[in-house]
Amino acid sequence: MSLLKSLKLSAAKPQSQPASPQERNREKLRSYLGEQRALVEAAIAGKPHTAVRIVTKTDEAGNRTRVEVPRTVRKGWFSGEGDKVYFQLRYGGRPLELAKGMTSVEAEGIAGIGAIIETLDQAVLAGEFDAAVAAAAQARAATMKTAKAKKAG
């Protein structure tokens, strides 16, 4: 007990700080960019990319277990004329406007997408997409509200 007396004890508990909407949106974008980075690396290496998610399944005995199941990750780039490849930053299934009327970034081949993703990741951390993401979230909410109203009525 003399060892515990040498320590300064307290009853403090960690306080959870809820993330702001901007922080949550930034984390979603960073997660999307991380998946795209892994997808690009797999495409360059010529290997298939398999993303997984954890789901809870119930077996015949009624036991619930958490298992990993594969899920599909859509690539965020597309090919254009010649050897050009274009990358789109998507949120809520729609491309974000990077500038007025511009939704994609041009790269010389698929190998150039990695640097684009790194730059976009830094821009997300700096908060440069907060306004665009807020507008996209409002548009998605309006779409969902309309779909829900059609289903109910």
Protein backbone atom coordinates (compact mmCIF):
# COMPACT_ATOMS: atom_id res chain seq x y z
CA MET A 1 0.00 0.00 0.00
CA SER A 2 2.93 2.35 0.49
CA LEU A 3 3.52 2.38 -3.28
CA LEU A 4 0.01 3.66 -3.94
CA LYS A 5 0.47 6.40 -1.36
CA SER A 6 3.39 7.73 -3.37
CA LEU A 7 1.05 8.37 -6.33
CA LYS A 8 -1.29 11.31 -6.67
CA LEU A 9 -4.71 9.65 -7.08
CA SER A 10 -7.77 11.33 -8.56
CA ALA A 11 -11.34 10.46 -9.53
CA ALA A 12 -11.12 12.10 -12.97
CA LYS A 13 -12.83 10.34 -15.88
CA PRO A 14 -12.35 10.92 -19.58
CA GLN A 15 -14.96 13.14 -21.14
CA SER A 16 -16.16 12.27 -24.61
CA GLN A 17 -16.22 15.23 -26.92
CA PRO A 18 -18.72 14.81 -29.74
CA ALA A 19 -17.22 15.53 -33.12
CA SER A 20 -18.54 18.55 -34.94
CA PRO A 21 -20.34 17.97 -38.26
CA GLN A 22 -17.33 19.36 -40.12
CA GLU A 23 -15.00 16.91 -38.36
CA ARG A 24 -17.30 13.98 -39.17
CA ASN A 25 -17.50 15.02 -42.81
CA ARG A 26 -13.73 15.41 -43.01
CA GLU A 27 -13.26 11.92 -41.58
CA LYS A 28 -15.71 10.51 -44.16
CA LEU A 29 -13.77 12.18 -46.96
CA ARG A 30 -10.44 10.99 -45.58
CA SER A 31 -11.81 7.46 -45.32
CA TYR A 32 -12.99 7.66 -48.93
CA LEU A 33 -9.57 8.93 -50.04
CA GLY A 34 -7.86 6.13 -48.09
CA GLU A 35 -9.97 3.52 -49.87
CA GLN A 36 -9.22 5.14 -53.22
CA ARG A 37 -5.49 5.18 -52.39
CA ALA A 38 -5.58 1.44 -51.67
CA LEU A 39 -7.59 0.83 -54.86
CA VAL A 40 -5.06 2.77 -56.96
CA GLU A 41 -2.12 0.92 -55.42
CA ALA A 42 -3.81 -2.41 -56.14
CA ALA A 43 -4.59 -1.36 -59.72
CA ILE A 44 -0.97 -0.31 -60.32
CA ALA A 45 0.28 -3.60 -58.86
CA GLY A 46 -2.24 -5.52 -60.97
CA LYS A 47 -3.86 -7.14 -57.96
CA PRO A 48 -7.52 -7.17 -56.97
CA HIS A 49 -8.50 -4.94 -54.05
CA THR A 50 -10.84 -6.44 -51.50
CA ALA A 51 -12.31 -4.19 -48.85
CA VAL A 52 -14.13 -5.75 -45.93
CA ARG A 53 -16.70 -4.65 -43.42
CA ILE A 54 -17.72 -6.26 -40.15
CA VAL A 55 -21.25 -7.60 -39.80
CA THR A 56 -23.01 -9.58 -37.08
CA LYS A 57 -24.37 -12.94 -38.16
CA THR A 58 -26.49 -15.43 -36.25
CA ASP A 59 -25.74 -19.12 -36.71
CA GLU A 60 -28.17 -22.06 -36.42
CA ALA A 61 -27.65 -22.29 -32.66
CA GLY A 62 -28.61 -18.65 -32.18
CA ASN A 63 -25.09 -17.46 -31.41
CA ARG A 64 -24.21 -14.05 -32.77
CA THR A 65 -20.73 -13.60 -34.15
CA ARG A 66 -18.99 -10.72 -35.86
CA VAL A 67 -17.50 -11.66 -39.21
CA GLU A 68 -15.77 -9.81 -42.01
CA VAL A 69 -17.55 -9.81 -45.36
CA PRO A 70 -16.20 -8.38 -48.60
CA ARG A 71 -17.68 -5.18 -49.93
CA THR A 72 -17.37 -3.34 -53.20
CA VAL A 73 -15.42 -0.12 -53.51
CA ARG A 74 -16.19 1.92 -56.61
CA LYS A 75 -13.19 3.49 -58.25
CA GLY A 76 -13.15 7.26 -58.15
CA TRP A 77 -11.40 7.74 -61.47
CA PHE A 78 -12.28 7.29 -65.11
CA SER A 79 -10.37 7.29 -68.39
CA GLY A 80 -10.58 10.10 -70.87
CA GLU A 81 -9.15 10.74 -74.30
CA GLY A 82 -5.65 9.47 -74.89
CA ASP A 83 -3.79 8.44 -71.76
CA LYS A 84 -5.59 10.92 -69.50
CA VAL A 85 -7.21 9.76 -66.28
CA TYR A 86 -9.60 11.90 -64.23
CA PHE A 87 -10.22 11.59 -60.49
CA GLN A 88 -13.41 12.74 -58.77
CA LEU A 89 -13.82 13.36 -55.06
CA ARG A 90 -17.26 12.01 -54.23
CA TYR A 91 -19.49 12.60 -51.21
CA GLY A 92 -22.92 11.05 -50.85
CA GLY A 93 -22.62 9.38 -54.24
CA ARG A 94 -22.11 12.67 -56.06
CA PRO A 95 -18.91 14.39 -57.18
CA LEU A 96 -17.89 17.45 -55.20
CA GLU A 97 -17.19 20.69 -57.02
CA LEU A 98 -13.50 21.43 -56.64
CA ALA A 99 -13.97 24.80 -58.33
CA LYS A 100 -16.92 26.45 -60.06
CA GLY A 101 -18.15 23.85 -62.57
CA MET A 102 -15.07 21.62 -62.11
CA THR A 103 -15.57 18.21 -60.52
CA SER A 104 -12.49 16.25 -61.58
CA VAL A 105 -8.70 16.43 -61.53
CA GLU A 106 -6.68 15.38 -64.57
CA ALA A 107 -3.72 13.01 -64.29
CA GLU A 108 -1.29 11.51 -66.78
CA GLY A 109 -2.11 7.85 -66.29
CA ILE A 110 -3.24 5.94 -63.25
CA ALA A 111 0.16 6.32 -61.56
CA GLY A 112 -0.44 10.07 -61.17
CA ILE A 113 -3.59 9.60 -59.12
CA GLY A 114 -1.65 8.82 -55.93
CA ALA A 115 -0.19 12.33 -55.76
CA ILE A 116 -3.62 13.83 -56.46
CA ILE A 117 -5.14 11.84 -53.59
CA GLU A 118 -2.40 13.04 -51.22
CA THR A 119 -3.02 16.67 -52.21
CA LEU A 120 -6.78 16.28 -51.80
CA ASP A 121 -6.24 14.65 -48.39
CA GLN A 122 -4.22 17.66 -47.24
CA ALA A 123 -6.94 19.98 -48.58
CA VAL A 124 -9.58 18.03 -46.62
CA LEU A 125 -7.51 18.37 -43.43
CA ALA A 126 -7.18 22.11 -44.06
CA GLY A 127 -10.98 22.38 -44.33
CA GLU A 128 -11.04 23.54 -47.95
CA PHE A 129 -14.02 21.31 -48.77
CA ASP A 130 -16.22 22.13 -45.77
CA ALA A 131 -18.58 24.40 -47.74
CA ALA A 132 -18.84 21.98 -50.68
CA VAL A 133 -19.51 19.04 -48.36
CA ALA A 134 -22.17 20.98 -46.45
CA ALA A 135 -23.92 21.80 -49.73
CA ALA A 136 -23.69 18.16 -50.86
CA ALA A 137 -25.06 16.96 -47.50
CA GLN A 138 -28.03 19.34 -47.79
CA ALA A 139 -28.71 18.18 -51.35
CA ARG A 140 -28.58 14.55 -50.22
CA ALA A 141 -30.92 15.26 -47.30
CA ALA A 142 -33.39 16.93 -49.67
CA THR A 143 -33.22 13.94 -52.02
CA MET A 144 -33.81 11.52 -49.16
CA LYS A 145 -36.70 13.61 -47.85
CA THR A 146 -38.33 13.63 -51.30
CA ALA A 147 -37.86 9.87 -51.69
CA LYS A 148 -39.34 9.26 -48.24
CA ALA A 149 -42.36 11.46 -49.05
CA LYS A 150 -42.96 9.58 -52.33
CA LYS A 151 -42.76 6.24 -50.54
CA ALA A 152 -45.21 7.32 -47.83
CA GLY A 153 -47.70 8.99 -50.15
